Protein backbone atom coordinates (compact mmCIF):
# COMPACT_ATOMS: atom_id res chain seq x y z
CA MET A 1 -21.06 1.35 -31.52
CA GLU A 2 -17.96 2.39 -30.08
CA THR A 3 -15.51 3.07 -33.20
CA THR A 4 -14.90 6.63 -33.86
CA GLN A 5 -12.91 7.42 -30.28
CA ARG A 6 -10.24 5.82 -28.60
CA GLN A 7 -11.40 3.19 -25.99
CA THR A 8 -10.24 5.14 -22.91
CA TYR A 9 -12.12 3.14 -20.43
CA LEU A 10 -9.50 0.30 -21.29
CA ASP A 11 -6.80 2.62 -20.16
CA TRP A 12 -8.60 3.42 -16.79
CA LEU A 13 -9.54 -0.16 -16.23
CA ARG A 14 -5.89 -1.01 -16.69
CA ILE A 15 -4.70 1.30 -14.46
CA LEU A 16 -7.27 0.88 -11.60
CA SER A 17 -6.12 -3.14 -12.04
CA ILE A 18 -2.65 -2.24 -11.17
CA LEU A 19 -3.60 -0.25 -8.43
CA GLY A 20 -5.44 -2.97 -7.16
CA VAL A 21 -2.26 -5.05 -7.23
CA LEU A 22 -0.53 -2.63 -5.51
CA PHE A 23 -2.89 -2.80 -2.46
CA PHE A 24 -3.00 -6.69 -2.91
CA HIS A 25 0.65 -7.22 -2.53
CA SER A 26 1.13 -4.72 -0.01
CA ALA A 27 -1.18 -6.59 2.19
CA MET A 28 0.48 -10.04 1.67
CA PRO A 29 2.88 -9.71 4.48
CA TYR A 30 0.04 -9.12 6.81
CA VAL A 31 -2.58 -11.63 5.91
CA ALA A 32 -3.07 -14.97 7.93
CA GLU A 33 -2.41 -18.48 6.07
CA ASP A 34 -0.84 -17.51 2.86
CA ASN A 35 3.10 -17.95 2.65
CA TRP A 36 5.06 -14.95 1.12
CA HIS A 37 8.29 -13.67 0.98
CA ILE A 38 8.59 -11.56 4.48
CA LYS A 39 5.45 -12.16 6.93
CA ASN A 40 4.79 -9.76 9.66
CA HIS A 41 4.83 -11.57 13.37
CA GLU A 42 1.09 -10.83 13.48
CA THR A 43 -1.48 -11.40 10.60
CA SER A 44 -4.92 -10.52 9.93
CA ASN A 45 -7.97 -13.03 8.98
CA LEU A 46 -9.93 -10.13 7.86
CA MET A 47 -7.12 -8.78 5.37
CA MET A 48 -6.63 -12.51 4.22
CA GLU A 49 -10.45 -12.13 3.23
CA SER A 50 -10.06 -9.21 1.44
CA ASN A 51 -7.35 -10.26 -0.66
CA TYR A 52 -8.99 -13.95 -1.22
CA PHE A 53 -11.69 -11.68 -3.33
CA LEU A 54 -9.08 -9.65 -4.99
CA HIS A 55 -7.25 -12.65 -6.03
CA LEU A 56 -10.37 -14.07 -7.78
CA PHE A 57 -10.54 -11.35 -10.53
CA ARG A 58 -7.47 -9.14 -10.33
CA MET A 59 -5.34 -11.07 -12.61
CA PRO A 60 -8.09 -12.21 -15.11
CA LEU A 61 -9.32 -8.76 -15.42
CA LEU A 62 -5.65 -7.88 -16.53
CA PHE A 63 -5.56 -10.66 -18.78
CA PHE A 64 -9.02 -9.66 -20.12
CA ILE A 65 -7.49 -6.24 -20.93
CA SER A 66 -4.31 -7.67 -22.26
CA GLY A 67 -6.40 -9.47 -24.98
CA THR A 68 -7.78 -6.17 -26.30
CA VAL A 69 -4.28 -4.81 -26.05
CA SER A 70 -3.15 -7.79 -28.28
CA PHE A 71 -6.04 -6.59 -30.95
CA PHE A 72 -4.86 -3.09 -31.04
CA MET A 73 -1.25 -4.03 -31.39
CA MET A 74 -2.18 -6.46 -34.44
CA GLN A 75 -3.56 -3.63 -36.54
CA ARG A 76 -1.50 -3.12 -39.69
CA ARG A 77 1.04 -5.82 -38.61
CA SER A 78 2.07 -9.29 -39.58
CA SER A 79 2.46 -12.06 -37.33
CA LEU A 80 6.21 -11.73 -37.41
CA ASN A 81 6.06 -8.07 -36.71
CA PHE A 82 3.74 -8.49 -33.96
CA ILE A 83 5.91 -10.98 -32.23
CA GLY A 84 8.88 -8.68 -32.63
CA LEU A 85 7.01 -5.89 -31.13
CA ARG A 86 5.77 -8.11 -28.18
CA PHE A 87 9.36 -9.28 -27.78
CA ARG A 88 10.55 -5.44 -27.27
CA ARG A 89 7.55 -5.13 -25.05
CA LEU A 90 7.40 -8.04 -22.96
CA PHE A 91 10.63 -10.13 -22.95
CA ILE A 92 13.07 -7.56 -22.67
CA PRO A 93 11.37 -6.34 -19.70
CA LEU A 94 11.14 -9.78 -18.14
CA LEU A 95 14.61 -10.43 -18.63
CA VAL A 96 15.34 -6.87 -16.68
CA GLY A 97 13.13 -7.90 -14.12
CA MET A 98 14.63 -11.44 -13.61
CA PHE A 99 18.39 -10.09 -13.46
CA ILE A 100 17.86 -6.66 -11.75
CA ILE A 101 14.47 -6.21 -10.34
CA VAL A 102 13.58 -9.52 -8.72
CA PRO A 103 17.01 -10.52 -6.91
CA PRO A 104 16.65 -7.94 -4.40
CA GLN A 105 13.37 -9.24 -3.24
CA ILE A 106 15.08 -12.72 -2.75
CA TYR A 107 17.79 -11.39 -1.09
CA MET A 108 15.61 -9.63 1.63
CA GLU A 109 13.94 -12.93 1.95
CA ARG A 110 17.19 -14.54 2.49
CA LEU A 111 18.20 -12.00 5.26
CA ASN A 112 14.59 -12.50 6.89
CA HIS A 113 15.74 -16.11 7.22
CA GLY A 114 19.55 -15.46 8.86
CA PHE A 115 21.50 -15.05 5.89
CA SER A 116 24.34 -12.76 6.60
CA GLY A 117 26.25 -12.24 3.23
CA SER A 118 26.37 -9.07 1.24
CA TYR A 119 24.18 -8.46 -1.68
CA LEU A 120 27.05 -9.16 -4.18
CA ASP A 121 27.66 -12.56 -2.43
CA PHE A 122 23.95 -13.33 -2.77
CA TYR A 123 23.86 -11.90 -6.38
CA LYS A 124 26.26 -14.42 -7.59
CA THR A 125 23.93 -17.42 -6.95
CA VAL A 126 21.49 -15.81 -9.21
CA PHE A 127 23.81 -17.08 -12.08
CA ASN A 128 23.57 -20.61 -10.79
CA PHE A 129 20.20 -20.59 -12.64
CA VAL A 130 18.58 -22.70 -9.92
CA PRO A 131 14.99 -21.94 -9.84
CA TYR A 132 13.43 -20.22 -6.61
CA PRO A 133 12.88 -21.11 -3.60
CA LYS A 134 15.94 -23.73 -3.85
CA GLY A 135 17.84 -21.18 -5.79
CA SER A 136 17.98 -17.57 -6.34
CA PHE A 137 16.63 -17.58 -10.01
CA SER A 138 12.90 -16.40 -10.40
CA TRP A 139 10.41 -14.01 -12.06
CA HIS A 140 8.27 -13.88 -8.97
CA HIS A 141 5.50 -11.45 -9.86
CA LEU A 142 6.58 -10.99 -13.46
CA TRP A 143 5.17 -14.40 -14.27
CA PHE A 144 2.08 -12.23 -15.77
CA ILE A 145 4.43 -10.80 -18.23
CA ALA A 146 6.02 -14.38 -19.15
CA TYR A 147 2.53 -15.91 -19.70
CA LEU A 148 1.38 -13.16 -21.68
CA PHE A 149 4.60 -13.04 -23.80
CA VAL A 150 4.12 -17.02 -24.53
CA TYR A 151 0.31 -16.57 -25.23
CA ASP A 152 1.03 -13.83 -27.76
CA ILE A 153 3.64 -16.04 -29.60
CA LEU A 154 1.40 -18.88 -29.86
CA PHE A 155 -1.79 -17.25 -30.82
CA ALA A 156 -0.26 -14.49 -33.14
CA PRO A 157 -1.58 -16.08 -36.47
CA LEU A 158 -4.97 -16.17 -34.70
CA PHE A 159 -4.84 -12.53 -33.64
CA ALA A 160 -3.69 -11.68 -37.02
CA TRP A 161 -6.38 -13.65 -38.98
CA MET A 162 -9.09 -12.26 -36.47
CA ALA A 163 -7.66 -8.43 -37.03
CA SER A 164 -7.68 -8.77 -40.51
CA PRO A 165 -10.85 -8.41 -43.21
CA LYS A 166 -10.29 -12.33 -43.73
CA SER A 167 -12.68 -12.78 -40.57
CA ILE A 168 -15.42 -10.50 -41.24
CA GLY A 169 -17.71 -13.19 -41.83
CA PHE A 170 -16.64 -14.94 -38.61
CA LYS A 171 -16.97 -11.71 -36.73
CA THR A 172 -20.39 -11.20 -38.13
CA LYS A 173 -21.56 -14.59 -36.64
CA LEU A 174 -19.94 -13.47 -33.37
CA ALA A 175 -22.46 -10.41 -33.45
CA ALA A 176 -25.44 -13.11 -32.39
CA LEU A 177 -23.77 -13.28 -29.06
CA ALA A 178 -24.64 -9.39 -28.58
CA ASN A 179 -28.46 -10.40 -28.50
CA GLY A 180 -29.97 -10.49 -25.17
CA LYS A 181 -27.37 -11.96 -22.77
CA TRP A 182 -25.88 -14.76 -24.77
CA ILE A 183 -22.11 -12.90 -24.47
CA TYR A 184 -22.02 -14.53 -21.03
CA ILE A 185 -21.48 -18.09 -22.93
CA ILE A 186 -17.75 -17.02 -22.89
CA MET A 187 -17.64 -17.84 -19.36
CA LEU A 188 -18.69 -21.29 -19.69
CA PRO A 189 -15.25 -22.80 -21.02
CA GLY A 190 -13.20 -21.24 -18.30
CA ILE A 191 -15.43 -22.16 -15.47
CA VAL A 192 -15.64 -25.70 -16.67
CA TRP A 193 -11.86 -26.23 -17.06
CA TYR A 194 -11.34 -24.46 -13.56
CA ALA A 195 -13.90 -26.78 -11.95
CA LEU A 196 -12.62 -29.80 -13.24
CA LEU A 197 -8.61 -29.40 -12.88
CA ALA A 198 -7.97 -26.42 -10.24
CA TYR A 199 -8.25 -28.81 -7.22
CA ASN A 200 -5.60 -31.15 -8.29
CA HIS A 201 -3.36 -28.78 -10.23
CA PRO A 202 -2.91 -25.83 -7.87
CA GLU A 203 -1.58 -22.37 -8.93
CA THR A 204 2.04 -22.13 -9.48
CA ASN A 205 3.12 -19.40 -11.98
CA ASP A 206 6.12 -21.31 -13.21
CA LEU A 207 4.65 -21.81 -16.52
CA ALA A 208 6.08 -25.60 -16.67
CA HIS A 209 3.83 -26.95 -13.75
CA ASP A 210 1.05 -24.49 -14.29
CA GLY A 211 -1.24 -26.40 -16.87
CA CYS A 212 -4.47 -25.72 -14.99
CA TYR A 213 -4.07 -21.95 -14.63
CA PHE A 214 -2.12 -21.42 -17.88
CA VAL A 215 -5.44 -22.44 -19.69
CA TYR A 216 -7.57 -20.78 -17.39
CA TRP A 217 -5.67 -17.34 -17.52
CA LEU A 218 -5.77 -17.86 -21.33
CA PHE A 219 -9.63 -17.97 -21.63
CA PHE A 220 -9.67 -14.50 -20.11
CA LEU A 221 -7.12 -12.97 -22.61
CA LEU A 222 -9.02 -14.65 -25.50
CA ALA A 223 -12.39 -13.46 -24.45
CA GLY A 224 -10.98 -9.88 -24.28
CA PHE A 225 -9.61 -10.45 -27.62
CA ILE A 226 -12.80 -11.51 -29.28
CA CYS A 227 -14.88 -8.82 -27.34
CA ILE A 228 -12.73 -6.05 -28.84
CA THR A 229 -12.70 -7.55 -32.07
CA GLN A 230 -16.51 -7.55 -32.37
CA PRO A 231 -17.40 -3.91 -30.87
CA LEU A 232 -21.12 -5.03 -30.59
CA LEU A 233 -20.08 -7.62 -27.91
CA MET A 234 -18.81 -4.72 -25.60
CA ASP A 235 -21.78 -2.79 -25.99
CA SER A 236 -23.65 -5.69 -24.75
CA LEU A 237 -21.26 -5.88 -22.03
CA GLU A 238 -22.15 -2.37 -21.11
CA ARG A 239 -25.79 -3.11 -21.56
CA ASN A 240 -25.78 -6.12 -19.31
CA ARG A 241 -23.63 -4.75 -16.66
CA ARG A 242 -26.19 -5.05 -13.92
CA PHE A 243 -26.71 -8.41 -14.65
CA ALA A 244 -23.00 -9.39 -14.71
CA LEU A 245 -22.73 -7.61 -11.10
CA ARG A 246 -25.87 -9.11 -9.74
CA ILE A 247 -24.49 -12.32 -10.46
CA GLY A 248 -21.09 -11.67 -9.13
CA PHE A 249 -22.27 -10.11 -6.18
CA ILE A 250 -24.67 -13.02 -5.36
CA SER A 251 -22.22 -15.77 -6.01
CA LEU A 252 -19.68 -13.73 -3.87
CA VAL A 253 -21.83 -13.55 -0.92
CA PHE A 254 -22.76 -17.41 -1.00
CA LEU A 255 -18.96 -18.02 -1.42
CA TYR A 256 -18.33 -16.13 1.87
CA TYR A 257 -21.18 -17.87 3.55
CA LEU A 258 -19.71 -21.25 2.61
CA ARG A 259 -16.21 -20.12 3.61
CA TRP A 260 -17.14 -18.52 7.06
CA ASN A 261 -19.07 -21.36 8.21
CA LYS A 262 -16.48 -23.88 7.13
CA ILE A 263 -19.01 -25.64 4.64
CA GLU A 264 -16.09 -26.14 1.78
CA PRO A 265 -13.64 -28.83 0.84
CA GLY A 266 -11.58 -30.11 3.73
CA TYR A 267 -13.84 -29.17 6.55
CA GLU A 268 -16.23 -31.14 8.40
CA LEU A 269 -19.45 -29.53 7.41
CA TRP A 270 -18.64 -30.09 3.70
CA PRO A 271 -21.55 -32.51 2.82
CA PHE A 272 -19.86 -34.45 0.23
CA SER A 273 -17.46 -37.35 0.51
CA GLY A 274 -14.45 -37.70 -1.85
CA ASP A 275 -13.69 -35.35 -4.76
CA SER A 276 -16.78 -35.99 -6.66
CA PHE A 277 -18.42 -32.51 -5.80
CA MET A 278 -15.41 -30.75 -5.56
CA GLY A 279 -15.93 -29.27 -8.86
CA LEU A 280 -19.10 -27.48 -7.52
CA PHE A 281 -17.04 -25.06 -5.09
CA LEU A 282 -14.62 -24.51 -7.40
CA ALA A 283 -16.95 -23.60 -10.15
CA LEU A 284 -18.50 -20.92 -7.66
CA ARG A 285 -14.90 -19.31 -7.65
CA ALA A 286 -14.72 -19.12 -11.20
CA ILE A 287 -18.37 -17.56 -11.27
CA VAL A 288 -17.08 -14.97 -9.33
CA ALA A 289 -14.18 -14.31 -11.06
CA TRP A 290 -15.79 -14.13 -14.59
CA SER A 291 -18.79 -12.26 -13.42
CA TRP A 292 -16.79 -9.48 -11.62
CA VAL A 293 -14.44 -9.19 -14.68
CA LEU A 294 -17.62 -8.82 -17.06
CA ALA A 295 -19.33 -6.30 -14.60
CA LEU A 296 -16.11 -4.06 -14.44
CA VAL A 297 -15.57 -4.05 -18.11
CA GLY A 298 -19.16 -3.10 -18.57
CA TYR A 299 -19.28 -0.54 -16.11
CA GLY A 300 -15.81 0.95 -17.34
CA LYS A 301 -17.16 1.10 -20.70
CA LYS A 302 -20.37 3.03 -19.55
CA TYR A 303 -18.86 5.53 -16.56
CA LEU A 304 -14.81 5.64 -17.61
CA ASN A 305 -14.70 6.39 -21.50
CA TYR A 306 -13.28 9.94 -20.95
CA LYS A 307 -10.24 11.41 -21.48
CA HIS A 308 -8.13 13.31 -18.86
CA LYS A 309 -4.78 15.35 -18.94
CA ALA A 310 -3.42 12.74 -16.58
CA LEU A 311 -4.11 9.98 -18.75
CA ASP A 312 -0.94 9.91 -20.83
CA TYR A 313 1.05 10.28 -18.06
CA LEU A 314 -0.57 7.36 -16.01
CA ASN A 315 -0.96 5.15 -19.05
CA GLN A 316 3.04 5.41 -19.75
CA ALA A 317 3.82 4.77 -16.22
CA VAL A 318 1.65 2.07 -15.27
CA TYR A 319 3.80 -0.83 -16.80
CA PRO A 320 6.87 0.22 -15.33
CA PHE A 321 5.27 0.61 -11.80
CA TYR A 322 4.04 -2.94 -12.03
CA ILE A 323 7.57 -3.93 -12.76
CA LEU A 324 8.72 -2.27 -9.58
CA HIS A 325 6.32 -2.25 -7.14
CA GLN A 326 6.79 -5.68 -5.58
CA THR A 327 10.41 -5.17 -5.13
CA VAL A 328 9.68 -1.65 -3.15
CA ILE A 329 7.19 -3.70 -1.07
CA VAL A 330 9.69 -6.22 -0.17
CA VAL A 331 12.38 -4.28 0.81
CA LEU A 332 10.26 -1.70 2.90
CA VAL A 333 8.50 -4.65 4.56
CA TYR A 334 11.91 -6.24 5.67
CA TYR A 335 12.18 -3.18 7.95
CA ILE A 336 8.43 -2.49 8.81
CA VAL A 337 7.92 -5.85 10.14
CA GLN A 338 10.55 -5.24 12.73
CA THR A 339 8.92 -2.50 14.43
CA GLN A 340 7.28 -2.67 17.91
CA ASN A 341 4.25 -1.60 19.18
CA GLU A 342 2.38 -0.65 15.52
CA SER A 343 -0.79 -2.24 14.65
CA ILE A 344 -1.43 -4.15 11.27
CA LEU A 345 -3.34 -1.11 9.83
CA SER A 346 -0.92 1.36 10.35
CA LYS A 347 2.07 -1.04 8.69
CA TYR A 348 -0.34 -1.83 5.90
CA ILE A 349 -1.29 1.92 5.41
CA TYR A 350 2.63 2.65 5.42
CA THR A 351 3.18 0.06 3.08
CA VAL A 352 0.68 1.04 0.60
CA GLY A 353 1.84 4.87 0.99
CA MET A 354 5.60 4.23 1.22
CA THR A 355 5.32 2.07 -1.91
CA PHE A 356 3.41 4.16 -3.98
CA PHE A 357 5.82 7.34 -3.16
CA ILE A 358 9.07 5.35 -3.94
CA THR A 359 7.83 3.54 -6.96
CA VAL A 360 6.48 6.36 -8.93
CA GLY A 361 9.55 8.32 -7.74
CA ILE A 362 11.89 5.61 -9.43
CA TYR A 363 9.76 5.77 -12.52
CA HIS A 364 9.69 9.69 -12.83
CA LEU A 365 13.13 10.15 -12.18
CA LEU A 366 14.97 7.15 -13.19
CA VAL A 367 13.19 5.44 -15.76
CA ARG A 368 10.80 7.92 -17.88
CA PRO A 369 13.37 10.45 -18.77
CA TYR A 370 16.08 8.18 -20.54
CA ALA A 371 15.86 6.28 -23.81
CA LEU A 372 17.89 3.17 -22.52
CA THR A 373 15.56 2.82 -19.53
CA ARG A 374 12.38 3.10 -21.29
CA PHE A 375 13.68 0.50 -23.59
CA LEU A 376 14.39 -1.86 -20.68
CA PHE A 377 11.19 -1.21 -19.22
CA GLY A 378 9.03 -1.67 -22.32
CA MET A 379 8.06 1.80 -22.91
CA LYS A 380 7.79 3.51 -26.19
CA PRO A 381 10.28 5.82 -27.30
CA LYS A 382 9.91 9.35 -26.47
CA SER A 383 9.81 10.47 -30.24
CA GLU A 384 7.10 7.82 -30.91
CA LYS A 385 3.96 9.85 -32.14
CA LYS A 386 0.56 8.87 -30.21
CA PRO A 387 -2.15 6.70 -32.28
CA VAL A 388 -4.85 8.33 -33.96
CA ALA A 389 -8.24 6.51 -34.00
CA ILE A 390 -9.82 6.09 -36.94
CA PRO A 391 -13.51 4.72 -37.87
CA GLN A 392 -12.93 1.09 -38.79
CA PRO A 393 -12.20 -1.45 -36.21
CA GLU A 394 -10.16 -3.55 -38.24
CA LYS A 395 -7.76 -0.04 -39.07
CA ILE A 396 -7.73 1.16 -35.55
CA ASN A 397 -3.89 2.25 -34.69
CA GLU A 398 -2.39 0.95 -31.54
CA VAL A 399 -3.73 2.56 -28.50
CA MET A 400 -1.29 3.65 -25.44
CA LEU A 401 -1.95 0.33 -23.86
CA VAL A 402 1.36 -1.68 -23.10
CA SER A 403 0.49 -4.95 -21.19
CA ALA A 404 1.10 -5.00 -17.50
């Protein structure tokens, strides 16, 4: 059982997750079918399939990790103190994003569609507060931060109880799930919910009209919180990691077999009429998501639980990187898609490389050194001491994980 050392595998998983988001969003201008802010003239079906796979588990993994973050942040804090911390780490950066980071994305999209005014002319429309796409007010990729903030506000009392000695009896009962493969029961509520509702309630990321996905993402966050609360459950995920990967691999191959042979809802070869069996296909997608998330956590705990001198820097950088990266992508892509005689692959590689270079440069030179920018991007003050791990899970100080 891991209780005496900092759980660095969660840091590494979070860093790798954000890196995956970089590859995912950098591909969006070049994938077929999916609408995005700016699209290349030529698109790739194969790149679309890669993004389809990434989309199934990239955000669920981030929400799972965020659930563990909420547990660590709740240590020795009341519900009100926890809410105050989340307000500073999540709500402030969200506002900064909506008024400073996201508007350039919308402006470049407007230019791509024929708008000819200056940025100042466009920026005035942000304060009309008309939601995107009709207006210019949006949180775009920062929807994740908005959802996470709402989750933490709503569940702060439950998190406080779970992180306190008052829940010792409940956590002792949770340990029963660590026997055998019972841990995978935590997958069932999310799979059933998604199978029943996802078809008629597509993902919107706007909070107000996203009832299915708002609850679906929540299941992953709660799973992360519960598993880190009872360390035996994390031990079980590590022990059974091959089982989870096996289920994830088989279900993914089967899903692609159906997709590539057009045996899915909406196509003629789908053997079922009406919506009665729609849930079967949707359940398969959710099984892929849950299996890969739990497998990655298990493998991360096994192989990534080590300290490296670069970890502290990367762990501080990853949150501002997430906030900044998509704006850099959209601005770059506006010019990249105009180039002639360049392959999709070369454009994609250049998008990834230049986005990484520019985003890290902005962070290192303009965000990291200054107290004001650190505050606006949800970072800890420079003078804040690093947490020290102590034996009991209920008393572990906050680790260097700031939700992405």
